[in-house]
Amino acid sequence: MRSIYMLAGLLMTALGIVGAFLPLLPTTPFLLVAVWCFSRSSPRLEHWLLNHRTLGPPLSNWRREGAIAGRTKVVAICLIVASYGFFLYRTQPSPLLAVIIGLVLSGSALFILTRPLPKGIDP
């Protein structure tokens, strides 16, 4: 099982890094899964991810407190709103599909907004 967790962790890390450059792929969820996989397969890689200069702080905040930084929340909500606007503009969906997608995105936004801010870090 250790090697399966290691391979999954490496794959999730790669997808997370690619997601940093592609707007449609999320970065943090992939990296959270990678940290989880590495916690079961490679303490060295888990430590590397959690202490990485760029990738580490959001992962550590989530692991420690289930927290999302304020700036990250603002960016995420703005991207959700922009994505929904782009979806409406480009696809001209039926009213039912527009409502369903709107509810899913609203649920995602609500989840993000209700996460605490990291203690002692940007408001």
N, C-alpha and C. Protein backbone atom coordinates (compact mmCIF):
# COMPACT_ATOMS: atom_id res chain seq x y z
N MET A 1 0.82 -1.21 0.00
CA MET A 1 0.00 0.00 0.00
C MET A 1 0.86 1.27 0.00
N ARG A 2 2.02 1.16 0.64
CA ARG A 2 2.87 2.35 0.73
C ARG A 2 3.22 2.89 -0.65
N SER A 3 3.54 2.01 -1.58
CA SER A 3 3.92 2.45 -2.92
C SER A 3 2.72 3.04 -3.67
N ILE A 4 1.53 2.53 -3.41
CA ILE A 4 0.32 3.10 -4.03
C ILE A 4 0.09 4.51 -3.52
N TYR A 5 0.23 4.71 -2.19
CA TYR A 5 0.10 6.05 -1.64
C TYR A 5 1.17 7.00 -2.19
N MET A 6 2.37 6.47 -2.35
CA MET A 6 3.47 7.29 -2.89
C MET A 6 3.15 7.72 -4.32
N LEU A 7 2.73 6.79 -5.16
CA LEU A 7 2.39 7.13 -6.54
C LEU A 7 1.21 8.11 -6.59
N ALA A 8 0.21 7.88 -5.77
CA ALA A 8 -0.94 8.79 -5.74
C ALA A 8 -0.50 10.18 -5.28
N GLY A 9 0.37 10.23 -4.28
CA GLY A 9 0.88 11.52 -3.79
C GLY A 9 1.65 12.26 -4.86
N LEU A 10 2.48 11.54 -5.59
CA LEU A 10 3.25 12.17 -6.67
C LEU A 10 2.33 12.68 -7.78
N LEU A 11 1.33 11.87 -8.14
CA LEU A 11 0.37 12.29 -9.16
C LEU A 11 -0.41 13.52 -8.72
N MET A 12 -0.87 13.53 -7.47
CA MET A 12 -1.63 14.67 -6.96
C MET A 12 -0.76 15.92 -6.88
N THR A 13 0.51 15.74 -6.52
CA THR A 13 1.42 16.89 -6.48
C THR A 13 1.61 17.46 -7.89
N ALA A 14 1.79 16.58 -8.86
CA ALA A 14 1.95 17.04 -10.25
C ALA A 14 0.69 17.78 -10.72
N LEU A 15 -0.48 17.22 -10.43
CA LEU A 15 -1.72 17.89 -10.84
C LEU A 15 -1.88 19.23 -10.12
N GLY A 16 -1.49 19.28 -8.85
CA GLY A 16 -1.56 20.54 -8.11
C GLY A 16 -0.66 21.60 -8.69
N ILE A 17 0.54 21.21 -9.07
CA ILE A 17 1.48 22.17 -9.66
C ILE A 17 0.98 22.64 -11.02
N VAL A 18 0.47 21.71 -11.83
CA VAL A 18 -0.11 22.10 -13.12
C VAL A 18 -1.29 23.05 -12.88
N GLY A 19 -2.08 22.77 -11.85
CA GLY A 19 -3.24 23.62 -11.53
C GLY A 19 -2.86 25.04 -11.15
N ALA A 20 -1.63 25.22 -10.70
CA ALA A 20 -1.18 26.58 -10.37
C ALA A 20 -1.08 27.45 -11.63
N PHE A 21 -0.93 26.79 -12.78
CA PHE A 21 -0.76 27.52 -14.03
C PHE A 21 -1.98 27.47 -14.94
N LEU A 22 -2.88 26.53 -14.69
CA LEU A 22 -4.10 26.40 -15.49
C LEU A 22 -5.30 26.80 -14.64
N PRO A 23 -6.04 27.81 -15.05
CA PRO A 23 -7.13 28.32 -14.22
C PRO A 23 -8.26 27.32 -13.96
N LEU A 24 -8.42 26.31 -14.78
CA LEU A 24 -9.53 25.38 -14.58
C LEU A 24 -9.21 24.25 -13.61
N LEU A 25 -7.94 24.07 -13.30
CA LEU A 25 -7.54 23.01 -12.38
C LEU A 25 -7.24 23.62 -11.01
N PRO A 26 -7.88 23.13 -9.96
CA PRO A 26 -7.58 23.69 -8.63
C PRO A 26 -6.24 23.16 -8.13
N THR A 27 -5.53 23.95 -7.39
CA THR A 27 -4.23 23.56 -6.87
C THR A 27 -4.34 22.92 -5.49
N THR A 28 -4.92 23.64 -4.56
CA THR A 28 -4.90 23.22 -3.16
C THR A 28 -5.56 21.87 -2.91
N PRO A 29 -6.74 21.57 -3.47
CA PRO A 29 -7.31 20.24 -3.18
C PRO A 29 -6.40 19.09 -3.59
N PHE A 30 -5.74 19.21 -4.73
CA PHE A 30 -4.81 18.17 -5.15
C PHE A 30 -3.64 18.05 -4.17
N LEU A 31 -3.15 19.19 -3.71
CA LEU A 31 -2.02 19.17 -2.79
C LEU A 31 -2.43 18.65 -1.42
N LEU A 32 -3.66 18.92 -1.00
CA LEU A 32 -4.15 18.36 0.26
C LEU A 32 -4.20 16.84 0.21
N VAL A 33 -4.65 16.31 -0.91
CA VAL A 33 -4.66 14.85 -1.09
C VAL A 33 -3.23 14.33 -1.13
N ALA A 34 -2.34 15.06 -1.78
CA ALA A 34 -0.93 14.64 -1.85
C ALA A 34 -0.33 14.56 -0.45
N VAL A 35 -0.57 15.58 0.38
CA VAL A 35 -0.04 15.57 1.75
C VAL A 35 -0.59 14.37 2.51
N TRP A 36 -1.87 14.10 2.34
CA TRP A 36 -2.49 12.94 3.01
C TRP A 36 -1.82 11.64 2.55
N CYS A 37 -1.63 11.50 1.24
CA CYS A 37 -0.97 10.30 0.70
C CYS A 37 0.46 10.18 1.23
N PHE A 38 1.19 11.29 1.24
CA PHE A 38 2.56 11.26 1.72
C PHE A 38 2.63 10.97 3.22
N SER A 39 1.61 11.36 3.97
CA SER A 39 1.62 11.07 5.41
C SER A 39 1.56 9.56 5.65
N ARG A 40 1.10 8.82 4.65
CA ARG A 40 1.02 7.37 4.75
C ARG A 40 2.14 6.65 4.01
N SER A 41 2.97 7.41 3.29
CA SER A 41 4.00 6.73 2.50
C SER A 41 5.39 7.34 2.65
N SER A 42 5.49 8.65 2.78
CA SER A 42 6.81 9.29 2.79
C SER A 42 6.81 10.53 3.68
N PRO A 43 7.20 10.38 4.95
CA PRO A 43 7.28 11.56 5.82
C PRO A 43 8.18 12.66 5.24
N ARG A 44 9.19 12.26 4.49
CA ARG A 44 10.10 13.25 3.89
C ARG A 44 9.37 14.14 2.89
N LEU A 45 8.56 13.53 2.00
CA LEU A 45 7.82 14.31 1.02
C LEU A 45 6.68 15.10 1.67
N GLU A 46 6.07 14.53 2.70
CA GLU A 46 5.04 15.26 3.44
C GLU A 46 5.66 16.52 4.05
N HIS A 47 6.81 16.37 4.67
CA HIS A 47 7.51 17.51 5.28
C HIS A 47 7.89 18.53 4.21
N TRP A 48 8.36 18.06 3.06
CA TRP A 48 8.74 18.96 1.97
C TRP A 48 7.55 19.81 1.52
N LEU A 49 6.40 19.16 1.32
CA LEU A 49 5.22 19.91 0.87
C LEU A 49 4.75 20.91 1.92
N LEU A 50 4.67 20.46 3.18
CA LEU A 50 4.17 21.35 4.24
C LEU A 50 5.11 22.52 4.51
N ASN A 51 6.38 22.36 4.19
CA ASN A 51 7.35 23.43 4.46
C ASN A 51 7.81 24.15 3.19
N HIS A 52 7.17 23.84 2.06
CA HIS A 52 7.51 24.51 0.81
C HIS A 52 7.17 26.00 0.94
N ARG A 53 8.03 26.84 0.42
CA ARG A 53 7.86 28.29 0.55
C ARG A 53 6.53 28.78 -0.01
N THR A 54 6.11 28.27 -1.15
CA THR A 54 4.88 28.74 -1.79
C THR A 54 3.69 27.83 -1.50
N LEU A 55 3.89 26.54 -1.61
CA LEU A 55 2.78 25.60 -1.47
C LEU A 55 2.43 25.28 -0.03
N GLY A 56 3.39 25.42 0.87
CA GLY A 56 3.21 25.00 2.25
C GLY A 56 2.22 25.77 3.10
N PRO A 57 2.22 27.11 3.07
CA PRO A 57 1.34 27.84 3.98
C PRO A 57 -0.16 27.50 3.88
N PRO A 58 -0.75 27.44 2.67
CA PRO A 58 -2.16 27.07 2.64
C PRO A 58 -2.42 25.65 3.15
N LEU A 59 -1.50 24.75 2.88
CA LEU A 59 -1.66 23.36 3.34
C LEU A 59 -1.55 23.28 4.86
N SER A 60 -0.59 24.00 5.41
CA SER A 60 -0.42 24.00 6.87
C SER A 60 -1.61 24.66 7.56
N ASN A 61 -2.10 25.76 7.00
CA ASN A 61 -3.28 26.43 7.58
C ASN A 61 -4.48 25.49 7.59
N TRP A 62 -4.68 24.78 6.49
CA TRP A 62 -5.82 23.87 6.40
C TRP A 62 -5.65 22.71 7.39
N ARG A 63 -4.47 22.16 7.42
CA ARG A 63 -4.24 21.00 8.29
C ARG A 63 -4.35 21.39 9.77
N ARG A 64 -3.81 22.53 10.12
CA ARG A 64 -3.79 22.97 11.51
C ARG A 64 -5.15 23.46 11.99
N GLU A 65 -5.85 24.26 11.16
CA GLU A 65 -7.06 24.94 11.63
C GLU A 65 -8.27 24.80 10.71
N GLY A 66 -8.10 24.16 9.57
CA GLY A 66 -9.19 24.15 8.59
C GLY A 66 -9.44 25.55 8.07
N ALA A 67 -8.37 26.34 8.00
CA ALA A 67 -8.47 27.76 7.69
C ALA A 67 -8.04 28.08 6.26
N ILE A 68 -8.64 29.15 5.72
CA ILE A 68 -8.29 29.66 4.40
C ILE A 68 -7.98 31.14 4.56
N ALA A 69 -6.84 31.58 4.03
CA ALA A 69 -6.43 32.98 4.14
C ALA A 69 -7.42 33.91 3.45
N GLY A 70 -7.53 35.12 3.96
CA GLY A 70 -8.48 36.10 3.43
C GLY A 70 -8.27 36.41 1.96
N ARG A 71 -7.04 36.62 1.56
CA ARG A 71 -6.75 36.92 0.15
C ARG A 71 -7.16 35.75 -0.75
N THR A 72 -6.92 34.56 -0.28
CA THR A 72 -7.29 33.36 -1.04
C THR A 72 -8.80 33.27 -1.19
N LYS A 73 -9.52 33.62 -0.13
CA LYS A 73 -10.99 33.61 -0.19
C LYS A 73 -11.49 34.60 -1.24
N VAL A 74 -10.92 35.79 -1.24
CA VAL A 74 -11.34 36.82 -2.19
C VAL A 74 -11.08 36.36 -3.62
N VAL A 75 -9.90 35.83 -3.86
CA VAL A 75 -9.57 35.35 -5.22
C VAL A 75 -10.51 34.23 -5.62
N ALA A 76 -10.75 33.29 -4.72
CA ALA A 76 -11.62 32.15 -5.03
C ALA A 76 -13.04 32.60 -5.36
N ILE A 77 -13.59 33.50 -4.56
CA ILE A 77 -14.96 33.98 -4.80
C ILE A 77 -15.03 34.76 -6.11
N CYS A 78 -14.04 35.59 -6.37
CA CYS A 78 -14.02 36.34 -7.64
C CYS A 78 -13.96 35.38 -8.84
N LEU A 79 -13.16 34.34 -8.73
CA LEU A 79 -13.07 33.38 -9.83
C LEU A 79 -14.36 32.57 -9.99
N ILE A 80 -15.02 32.27 -8.90
CA ILE A 80 -16.31 31.58 -8.99
C ILE A 80 -17.33 32.45 -9.71
N VAL A 81 -17.40 33.72 -9.32
CA VAL A 81 -18.35 34.65 -9.95
C VAL A 81 -18.01 34.82 -11.43
N ALA A 82 -16.73 35.01 -11.73
CA ALA A 82 -16.31 35.18 -13.14
C ALA A 82 -16.61 33.91 -13.95
N SER A 83 -16.37 32.76 -13.36
CA SER A 83 -16.65 31.49 -14.06
C SER A 83 -18.13 31.35 -14.36
N TYR A 84 -18.97 31.72 -13.40
CA TYR A 84 -20.41 31.61 -13.62
C TYR A 84 -20.85 32.58 -14.72
N GLY A 85 -20.32 33.80 -14.68
CA GLY A 85 -20.64 34.77 -15.72
C GLY A 85 -20.20 34.28 -17.09
N PHE A 86 -19.00 33.72 -17.16
CA PHE A 86 -18.49 33.18 -18.42
C PHE A 86 -19.36 32.02 -18.90
N PHE A 87 -19.75 31.15 -17.96
CA PHE A 87 -20.63 30.02 -18.28
C PHE A 87 -21.95 30.53 -18.87
N LEU A 88 -22.55 31.52 -18.23
CA LEU A 88 -23.82 32.05 -18.72
C LEU A 88 -23.66 32.68 -20.11
N TYR A 89 -22.59 33.43 -20.29
CA TYR A 89 -22.35 34.13 -21.55
C TYR A 89 -22.07 33.17 -22.70
N ARG A 90 -21.20 32.18 -22.45
CA ARG A 90 -20.76 31.30 -23.54
C ARG A 90 -21.74 30.18 -23.88
N THR A 91 -22.48 29.67 -22.88
CA THR A 91 -23.31 28.50 -23.15
C THR A 91 -24.78 28.81 -23.31
N GLN A 92 -25.21 29.96 -22.81
CA GLN A 92 -26.63 30.33 -22.82
C GLN A 92 -27.47 29.12 -22.40
N PRO A 93 -27.28 28.66 -21.14
CA PRO A 93 -27.92 27.43 -20.69
C PRO A 93 -29.43 27.61 -20.48
N SER A 94 -30.11 26.48 -20.38
CA SER A 94 -31.52 26.52 -20.02
C SER A 94 -31.63 27.08 -18.61
N PRO A 95 -32.78 27.64 -18.25
CA PRO A 95 -32.93 28.18 -16.89
C PRO A 95 -32.66 27.12 -15.81
N LEU A 96 -33.08 25.90 -16.04
CA LEU A 96 -32.86 24.85 -15.04
C LEU A 96 -31.37 24.58 -14.85
N LEU A 97 -30.63 24.45 -15.94
CA LEU A 97 -29.19 24.22 -15.84
C LEU A 97 -28.49 25.41 -15.19
N ALA A 98 -28.90 26.61 -15.53
CA ALA A 98 -28.30 27.81 -14.92
C ALA A 98 -28.52 27.82 -13.41
N VAL A 99 -29.70 27.41 -12.97
CA VAL A 99 -29.98 27.37 -11.52
C VAL A 99 -29.16 26.27 -10.86
N ILE A 100 -29.09 25.10 -11.47
CA ILE A 100 -28.32 23.99 -10.88
C ILE A 100 -26.85 24.37 -10.73
N ILE A 101 -26.27 24.90 -11.80
CA ILE A 101 -24.85 25.32 -11.75
C ILE A 101 -24.68 26.44 -10.73
N GLY A 102 -25.61 27.38 -10.71
CA GLY A 102 -25.56 28.47 -9.73
C GLY A 102 -25.60 27.96 -8.30
N LEU A 103 -26.42 26.96 -8.03
CA LEU A 103 -26.51 26.38 -6.68
C LEU A 103 -25.22 25.66 -6.29
N VAL A 104 -24.66 24.92 -7.23
CA VAL A 104 -23.40 24.22 -6.95
C VAL A 104 -22.29 25.23 -6.64
N LEU A 105 -22.19 26.26 -7.47
CA LEU A 105 -21.15 27.27 -7.25
C LEU A 105 -21.41 28.06 -5.98
N SER A 106 -22.68 28.33 -5.68
CA SER A 106 -23.01 29.03 -4.44
C SER A 106 -22.65 28.20 -3.22
N GLY A 107 -22.87 26.90 -3.31
CA GLY A 107 -22.48 26.01 -2.22
C GLY A 107 -20.97 26.02 -2.01
N SER A 108 -20.24 26.02 -3.11
CA SER A 108 -18.77 26.09 -3.01
C SER A 108 -18.33 27.41 -2.38
N ALA A 109 -18.95 28.49 -2.82
CA ALA A 109 -18.60 29.81 -2.29
C ALA A 109 -18.95 29.88 -0.79
N LEU A 110 -20.08 29.35 -0.41
CA LEU A 110 -20.49 29.36 1.00
C LEU A 110 -19.49 28.57 1.85
N PHE A 111 -19.07 27.42 1.34
CA PHE A 111 -18.08 26.62 2.06
C PHE A 111 -16.80 27.43 2.28
N ILE A 112 -16.32 28.07 1.22
CA ILE A 112 -15.09 28.87 1.31
C ILE A 112 -15.26 30.01 2.32
N LEU A 113 -16.37 30.71 2.22
CA LEU A 113 -16.59 31.86 3.09
C LEU A 113 -16.76 31.50 4.56
N THR A 114 -17.22 30.29 4.84
CA THR A 114 -17.44 29.91 6.24
C THR A 114 -16.22 29.28 6.89
N ARG A 115 -15.14 29.08 6.15
CA ARG A 115 -13.91 28.57 6.76
C ARG A 115 -13.27 29.71 7.54
N PRO A 116 -12.67 29.39 8.69
CA PRO A 116 -12.03 30.46 9.48
C PRO A 116 -10.78 30.99 8.79
N LEU A 117 -10.39 32.19 9.21
CA LEU A 117 -9.12 32.76 8.77
C LEU A 117 -8.01 32.16 9.63
N PRO A 118 -6.82 32.00 9.10
CA PRO A 118 -5.72 31.51 9.94
C PRO A 118 -5.44 32.48 11.08
N LYS A 119 -5.18 31.96 12.22
CA LYS A 119 -4.91 32.82 13.39
C LYS A 119 -3.61 33.58 13.19
N GLY A 120 -3.67 34.89 13.38
CA GLY A 120 -2.49 35.72 13.30
C GLY A 120 -1.97 35.98 11.91
N ILE A 121 -2.74 35.59 10.89
CA ILE A 121 -2.30 35.80 9.50
C ILE A 121 -3.36 36.63 8.78
N ASP A 122 -3.00 37.25 7.69
CA ASP A 122 -3.80 38.25 6.98
C ASP A 122 -5.31 38.10 7.20
N PRO A 123 -5.96 39.22 7.53
CA PRO A 123 -7.41 39.22 7.80
C PRO A 123 -8.24 39.06 6.55
